[in-house]
Protein backbone atom coordinates (compact mmCIF):
# COMPACT_ATOMS: atom_id res chain seq x y z
CA MET A 1 -0.01 0.03 0.01
CA SER A 2 1.15 3.61 -0.47
CA SER A 3 1.42 4.24 3.21
CA PHE A 4 3.88 1.40 3.72
CA SER A 5 6.98 3.55 3.40
CA TRP A 6 9.86 4.96 5.35
CA LYS A 7 8.43 8.40 4.80
CA SER A 8 5.11 7.43 6.46
CA LEU A 9 7.01 6.21 9.62
CA GLN A 10 9.16 9.42 9.77
CA ASP A 11 5.91 11.48 9.32
CA ALA A 12 4.40 9.60 12.37
CA ALA A 13 7.40 9.12 14.63
CA GLY A 14 9.89 11.73 13.67
CA PRO A 15 13.50 10.99 12.58
CA VAL A 16 13.78 7.16 12.25
CA SER A 17 16.65 5.20 10.52
CA ARG A 18 16.09 3.09 7.35
CA GLU A 19 17.20 0.26 9.44
CA THR A 20 14.41 0.70 11.95
CA PHE A 21 11.96 1.02 9.08
CA ASP A 22 13.11 -2.19 7.63
CA ARG A 23 12.87 -3.97 10.96
CA LEU A 24 9.38 -2.79 11.53
CA VAL A 25 8.43 -4.07 8.11
CA ALA A 26 9.84 -7.47 8.96
CA PHE A 27 7.85 -7.20 12.37
CA GLU A 28 4.71 -6.54 10.46
CA GLN A 29 5.06 -9.71 8.44
CA MET A 30 5.81 -11.57 11.46
CA PHE A 31 2.82 -10.22 13.28
CA GLN A 32 0.52 -11.16 10.34
CA LYS A 33 1.64 -14.82 10.74
CA TRP A 34 0.98 -14.98 14.36
CA ASN A 35 -2.26 -13.06 14.21
CA ARG A 36 -3.87 -15.67 12.08
CA SER A 37 -3.42 -18.23 15.00
CA ILE A 38 -3.95 -16.14 18.11
CA ASN A 39 -5.92 -13.20 17.24
CA LEU A 40 -3.58 -10.35 18.34
CA VAL A 41 -5.75 -7.66 16.93
CA ALA A 42 -9.42 -7.58 15.65
CA GLN A 43 -9.69 -9.12 12.12
CA SER A 44 -11.46 -5.94 10.97
CA THR A 45 -8.14 -3.91 11.33
CA ALA A 46 -5.60 -6.73 10.35
CA GLY A 47 -5.65 -5.85 6.79
CA ASP A 48 -3.96 -2.55 7.55
CA VAL A 49 -1.64 -3.27 10.41
CA TRP A 50 0.99 -0.64 9.17
CA GLN A 51 -1.30 2.30 9.22
CA ARG A 52 -3.94 1.37 11.97
CA HIS A 53 -1.36 -0.09 14.51
CA ILE A 54 2.30 0.44 13.76
CA LEU A 55 2.09 4.09 12.74
CA ASP A 56 -0.61 4.84 15.31
CA SER A 57 1.73 3.46 17.90
CA ALA A 58 4.92 5.15 16.43
CA GLN A 59 3.50 8.65 16.99
CA LEU A 60 4.48 8.28 20.61
CA GLY A 61 8.13 8.69 19.54
CA ARG A 62 7.33 12.13 18.26
CA ILE A 63 5.62 13.29 21.32
CA GLU A 64 8.26 12.06 23.62
CA PRO A 65 11.62 11.93 21.81
CA THR A 66 14.00 11.77 24.81
CA ALA A 67 12.61 9.62 27.62
CA LYS A 68 14.46 6.34 28.13
CA HIS A 69 12.41 4.26 30.67
CA TRP A 70 9.01 3.33 29.57
CA VAL A 71 6.30 0.81 30.67
CA ASP A 72 3.42 -0.37 28.39
CA ILE A 73 0.52 -1.81 30.24
CA GLY A 74 -1.65 -4.45 28.66
CA SER A 75 0.58 -4.85 25.81
CA GLY A 76 -1.39 -7.48 23.98
CA GLY A 77 -0.16 -7.71 20.44
CA GLY A 78 2.65 -5.17 21.07
CA PHE A 79 0.98 -1.82 20.29
CA PRO A 80 2.19 0.65 21.21
CA GLY A 81 4.94 -1.19 23.43
CA LEU A 82 6.76 -3.36 20.83
CA VAL A 83 6.65 -0.59 18.21
CA MET A 84 8.19 1.82 20.85
CA ALA A 85 10.89 -0.88 21.50
CA PHE A 86 11.90 -0.74 17.91
CA LEU A 87 12.27 3.08 18.11
CA LEU A 88 13.94 3.01 21.56
CA ALA A 89 16.55 0.88 20.10
CA GLU A 90 17.94 4.14 18.63
CA ARG A 91 18.20 5.76 21.94
CA ASP A 92 21.34 4.85 23.94
CA GLY A 93 20.38 3.18 27.18
CA ALA A 94 16.58 3.19 26.52
CA SER A 95 14.14 0.34 27.24
CA ILE A 96 10.58 -0.59 27.68
CA ASP A 97 8.79 -3.04 29.96
CA LEU A 98 5.71 -4.82 28.49
CA VAL A 99 3.18 -5.77 31.04
CA GLU A 100 0.99 -8.60 29.71
CA SER A 101 -0.67 -11.52 31.71
CA ASN A 102 -2.05 -13.43 28.75
CA ARG A 103 0.30 -16.41 28.25
CA LYS A 104 0.00 -16.58 24.47
CA LYS A 105 0.31 -12.88 23.98
CA ALA A 106 3.31 -12.76 26.28
CA SER A 107 4.89 -15.52 24.33
CA PHE A 108 4.49 -13.60 21.23
CA LEU A 109 6.02 -10.43 22.70
CA GLN A 110 9.00 -12.47 24.01
CA THR A 111 9.49 -14.09 20.65
CA VAL A 112 9.57 -10.75 18.82
CA ILE A 113 11.98 -9.24 21.51
CA GLY A 114 14.45 -12.14 21.11
CA GLN A 115 14.28 -12.30 17.29
CA PHE A 116 15.04 -8.61 16.81
CA GLY A 117 17.19 -8.08 19.91
CA LEU A 118 14.88 -5.29 21.31
CA PRO A 119 15.53 -3.42 24.45
CA ALA A 120 12.45 -4.70 26.05
CA ARG A 121 11.33 -7.08 28.83
CA VAL A 122 8.07 -8.90 29.24
CA VAL A 123 6.46 -8.67 32.63
CA ALA A 124 4.02 -11.49 32.42
CA ARG A 125 1.85 -10.41 35.35
CA ARG A 126 -1.42 -8.65 36.02
CA ILE A 127 -0.87 -4.87 35.94
CA GLU A 128 -1.99 -4.62 39.63
CA ASP A 129 1.03 -6.89 40.33
CA SER A 130 3.49 -5.39 38.34
CA HIS A 131 4.27 -1.97 39.96
CA ALA A 132 7.13 -3.22 42.13
CA LEU A 133 8.77 -4.94 39.23
CA VAL A 134 8.86 -1.77 37.05
CA PRO A 135 10.37 0.92 39.37
CA ALA A 136 10.27 4.52 38.39
CA PRO A 137 9.39 4.62 34.79
CA GLN A 138 9.30 8.05 32.95
CA ILE A 139 6.52 7.19 30.60
CA VAL A 140 3.45 4.88 31.02
CA THR A 141 1.53 3.97 27.70
CA ALA A 142 -1.59 1.97 27.00
CA ARG A 143 -3.81 1.53 23.96
CA ALA A 144 -7.26 0.07 23.57
CA LEU A 145 -7.08 -1.25 27.05
CA ALA A 146 -9.60 0.41 29.44
CA SER A 147 -11.42 3.72 29.97
CA LEU A 148 -9.20 6.63 31.25
CA SER A 149 -10.56 6.29 34.71
CA THR A 150 -9.44 2.73 34.94
CA LEU A 151 -6.10 3.54 33.30
CA LEU A 152 -5.37 6.12 35.85
CA ASP A 153 -6.35 3.64 38.71
CA LEU A 154 -4.07 0.96 37.12
CA SER A 155 -1.10 3.28 36.56
CA ALA A 156 -1.44 5.57 39.66
CA PRO A 157 1.61 3.97 41.49
CA TRP A 158 3.68 5.30 38.67
CA LEU A 159 1.90 8.37 37.82
CA THR A 160 1.68 9.72 41.30
CA SER A 161 5.41 9.31 41.56
CA GLY A 162 6.46 11.41 38.65
CA ALA A 163 5.71 9.43 35.58
CA ARG A 164 3.69 10.72 32.61
CA GLY A 165 0.98 8.88 30.93
CA LEU A 166 0.56 8.79 27.14
CA PHE A 167 -2.73 7.05 26.32
CA HIS A 168 -4.28 6.64 22.98
CA LYS A 169 -7.98 7.63 22.98
CA GLY A 170 -10.82 7.88 20.43
CA ARG A 171 -13.65 10.33 19.73
CA ASP A 172 -15.34 9.84 23.00
CA TYR A 173 -12.23 10.98 24.98
CA ARG A 174 -13.84 14.06 26.50
CA ALA A 175 -16.48 12.05 28.31
CA GLU A 176 -13.72 9.83 29.66
CA VAL A 177 -11.68 12.83 30.95
CA GLN A 178 -14.85 14.24 32.58
CA GLU A 179 -15.55 10.93 34.31
CA SER A 180 -11.89 10.85 35.61
CA VAL A 181 -11.83 14.27 37.25
CA HIS A 182 -14.41 12.95 39.90
CA ARG A 183 -11.45 10.95 41.38
CA TRP A 184 -8.18 12.36 40.08
CA ALA A 185 -6.70 15.76 39.33
CA PHE A 186 -3.98 15.94 36.64
CA ASP A 187 -2.33 18.27 34.21
CA LEU A 188 -3.46 17.36 30.59
CA VAL A 189 -2.14 18.04 27.08
CA GLU A 190 -4.13 16.74 24.09
CA HIS A 191 -2.08 15.68 21.07
CA PRO A 192 -4.12 15.20 17.93
CA SER A 193 -3.56 11.81 16.44
CA VAL A 194 -1.59 11.70 13.15
CA THR A 195 -3.23 8.63 11.89
CA ASP A 196 -6.95 8.83 13.03
CA PRO A 197 -8.82 12.25 12.57
CA HIS A 198 -11.07 11.49 15.63
CA GLY A 199 -8.22 10.31 17.83
CA VAL A 200 -5.99 11.76 20.35
CA ILE A 201 -2.91 11.08 22.56
CA LEU A 202 -3.71 12.15 26.07
CA GLU A 203 -0.48 13.22 27.95
CA LEU A 204 -1.18 13.16 31.60
CA SER A 205 1.17 14.33 34.33
CA ASN A 206 1.21 15.43 38.03
CA LEU A 207 -1.65 12.91 38.95
CA ARG A 208 -3.01 13.16 42.46
CA PRO A 209 -6.13 12.05 44.04
CA VAL A 210 -9.08 14.60 44.52
């Protein structure tokens, strides 16, 4: 497809090497093979993994181009966590922890990490049980996991200790924000999605209970 290009990746993520692009192309092919057997993403979106999932995830690299310690919760098929692992390979000393309790999905994540030598680690635990295992991340990410209120509850031990959240959200994000402010106060920046005209990346910081 026309969007399957190095330029499309740079437009989404910012400066990215040709090597990283080639590695993500190889990952997309590997993902498609696994997805046919364990349903890593909805079949309705499986035909356009590059645009709908890889580029959508990669835009976090443009929003946060310097942070080195990341954690992705509910990583599932690796979006955005695995994609960020490919991008973080270009940052000296950077790494990401992928929290995923589903055994089959965790196995997929580990296989990709091993095959490509990514700076990532799978934490095969429930999110609630992972906080002590992932100390002091700078960035917490999640995509298509839960409502914003639930995401804040799950990631509060990190976000109340100085981490920032980067959460993909769709057209109903304003209602989710309003629901969340009954329990949490936070600073919020809305980044329009570069892949979805109705989507945003919510950047949350300075989380504290109301």
